[in-house]
Amino acid sequence: MRGRKPDSLTLSPGDDLALREIARSDSSPWYQVRRARIVLAIAAGERRHIVAARMECDEATVWRTCQRYEESGLAGLLTDHRQGRSGRSGRISPPPAGSDRRVGLFGAGRQGTAHHTLVQ
């Protein structure tokens, strides 16, 4: 193989089995499955750009995922870090109620051509 040697990633004892179970899971969140597959592939010696192409993500995502595993271990890898971000919340809230708003659907109270009887 030509070029630079692939980055090495060593799995902690016991993490290999847990990562394989998560990578095959149908019920785990998608980000956990993808991260587990990325870490397993890099630990197996695959190149970053090949893993990124297979996972349909950027090479930087592969690098950040491996860094997260090296720094925080399995628990840090599987944590959803998006929840603590500021900005828009992940929930949709209804519009505020006010005295200037009418109840019901807009235009539902009008009589239009669709409301006329067919018999004249």
Protein backbone atom coordinates (compact mmCIF):
# COMPACT_ATOMS: atom_id res chain seq x y z
CA MET A 1 0.00 0.00 0.00
CA ARG A 2 1.40 3.39 -0.94
CA GLY A 3 1.22 6.63 1.00
CA ARG A 4 1.20 7.34 4.68
CA LYS A 5 0.57 4.64 7.21
CA PRO A 6 -3.03 4.76 8.49
CA ASP A 7 -3.63 6.31 11.90
CA SER A 8 -3.68 3.64 14.58
CA LEU A 9 -6.40 3.41 17.17
CA THR A 10 -6.21 0.91 20.00
CA LEU A 11 -9.43 -0.21 21.63
CA SER A 12 -9.61 -0.53 25.39
CA PRO A 13 -10.09 -4.06 26.73
CA GLY A 14 -13.78 -4.95 26.72
CA ASP A 15 -14.79 -2.15 24.35
CA ASP A 16 -14.44 -4.32 21.25
CA LEU A 17 -17.41 -6.53 22.10
CA ALA A 18 -19.59 -3.60 23.18
CA LEU A 19 -18.77 -1.64 20.02
CA ARG A 20 -19.57 -4.64 17.81
CA GLU A 21 -22.96 -5.07 19.49
CA ILE A 22 -23.78 -1.39 19.01
CA ALA A 23 -22.58 -1.42 15.40
CA ARG A 24 -25.03 -4.27 14.62
CA SER A 25 -27.91 -2.80 16.63
CA ASP A 26 -31.23 -1.91 15.04
CA SER A 27 -32.55 -0.18 18.14
CA SER A 28 -29.61 2.06 19.14
CA PRO A 29 -29.61 5.72 18.05
CA TRP A 30 -28.09 6.22 14.59
CA TYR A 31 -25.23 8.39 15.87
CA GLN A 32 -24.11 5.62 18.26
CA VAL A 33 -24.20 2.99 15.51
CA ARG A 34 -22.21 5.22 13.13
CA ARG A 35 -19.63 6.12 15.78
CA ALA A 36 -19.17 2.47 16.74
CA ARG A 37 -18.68 1.48 13.10
CA ILE A 38 -16.18 4.29 12.55
CA VAL A 39 -14.10 3.39 15.61
CA LEU A 40 -14.11 -0.32 14.72
CA ALA A 41 -13.04 0.38 11.14
CA ILE A 42 -10.18 2.70 12.12
CA ALA A 43 -9.05 0.25 14.84
CA ALA A 44 -8.96 -2.46 12.14
CA GLY A 45 -6.49 -0.33 10.16
CA GLU A 46 -8.76 1.12 7.48
CA ARG A 47 -7.89 4.52 6.05
CA ARG A 48 -9.87 7.55 7.14
CA HIS A 49 -11.03 8.60 3.66
CA ILE A 50 -12.31 5.10 2.89
CA VAL A 51 -14.26 4.93 6.15
CA ALA A 52 -15.67 8.42 5.50
CA ALA A 53 -16.84 7.42 2.02
CA ARG A 54 -18.51 4.25 3.32
CA MET A 55 -20.21 6.08 6.20
CA GLU A 56 -21.18 8.96 3.90
CA CYS A 57 -19.61 11.58 6.13
CA ASP A 58 -16.64 13.93 6.09
CA GLU A 59 -13.12 12.79 6.98
CA ALA A 60 -13.16 15.34 9.80
CA THR A 61 -16.13 13.50 11.32
CA VAL A 62 -14.14 10.27 11.33
CA TRP A 63 -11.18 12.05 12.94
CA ARG A 64 -13.38 13.74 15.60
CA THR A 65 -15.08 10.44 16.40
CA CYS A 66 -11.72 8.75 16.98
CA GLN A 67 -10.51 11.70 19.07
CA ARG A 68 -13.67 11.52 21.18
CA TYR A 69 -13.07 7.81 21.81
CA GLU A 70 -9.41 8.35 22.72
CA GLU A 71 -10.21 11.23 25.09
CA SER A 72 -13.47 10.06 26.68
CA GLY A 73 -13.61 6.31 26.12
CA LEU A 74 -16.72 4.34 25.29
CA ALA A 75 -19.01 6.38 27.54
CA GLY A 76 -17.96 9.66 25.91
CA LEU A 77 -18.31 8.16 22.45
CA LEU A 78 -21.90 7.13 23.06
CA THR A 79 -23.04 10.36 24.72
CA ASP A 80 -25.22 12.72 22.69
CA HIS A 81 -23.29 15.99 22.92
CA ARG A 82 -25.89 17.91 20.89
CA GLN A 83 -28.28 18.31 23.83
CA GLY A 84 -26.11 20.82 25.69
CA ARG A 85 -25.76 23.26 22.82
CA SER A 86 -27.26 26.69 23.03
CA GLY A 87 -29.56 27.99 20.33
CA ARG A 88 -32.74 26.45 19.10
CA SER A 89 -34.24 23.77 21.25
CA GLY A 90 -34.91 20.33 19.90
CA ARG A 91 -38.63 20.64 20.64
CA ILE A 92 -41.36 22.31 18.65
CA SER A 93 -43.61 24.52 20.69
CA PRO A 94 -47.06 25.79 19.67
CA PRO A 95 -47.48 29.48 18.91
CA PRO A 96 -48.42 31.60 21.88
CA ALA A 97 -52.13 32.14 22.47
CA GLY A 98 -53.33 35.69 22.55
CA SER A 99 -56.56 37.64 22.74
CA ASP A 100 -56.06 38.85 19.16
CA ARG A 101 -56.15 35.31 17.74
CA ARG A 102 -59.30 33.58 16.61
CA VAL A 103 -60.01 29.97 17.42
CA GLY A 104 -60.14 27.49 14.52
CA LEU A 105 -58.61 27.18 11.11
CA PHE A 106 -57.99 30.24 8.99
CA GLY A 107 -60.80 30.66 6.46
CA ALA A 108 -62.93 27.81 7.83
CA GLY A 109 -65.88 30.06 8.67
CA ARG A 110 -66.30 31.55 5.19
CA GLN A 111 -68.86 30.48 2.65
CA GLY A 112 -67.24 29.78 -0.70
CA THR A 113 -68.18 27.95 -3.87
CA ALA A 114 -67.51 24.61 -2.25
CA HIS A 115 -70.24 25.26 0.34
CA HIS A 116 -73.04 25.97 -2.13
CA THR A 117 -75.66 23.33 -2.65
CA LEU A 118 -75.78 21.58 -5.98
CA VAL A 119 -79.57 21.79 -6.21
CA GLN A 120 -80.77 25.30 -7.00
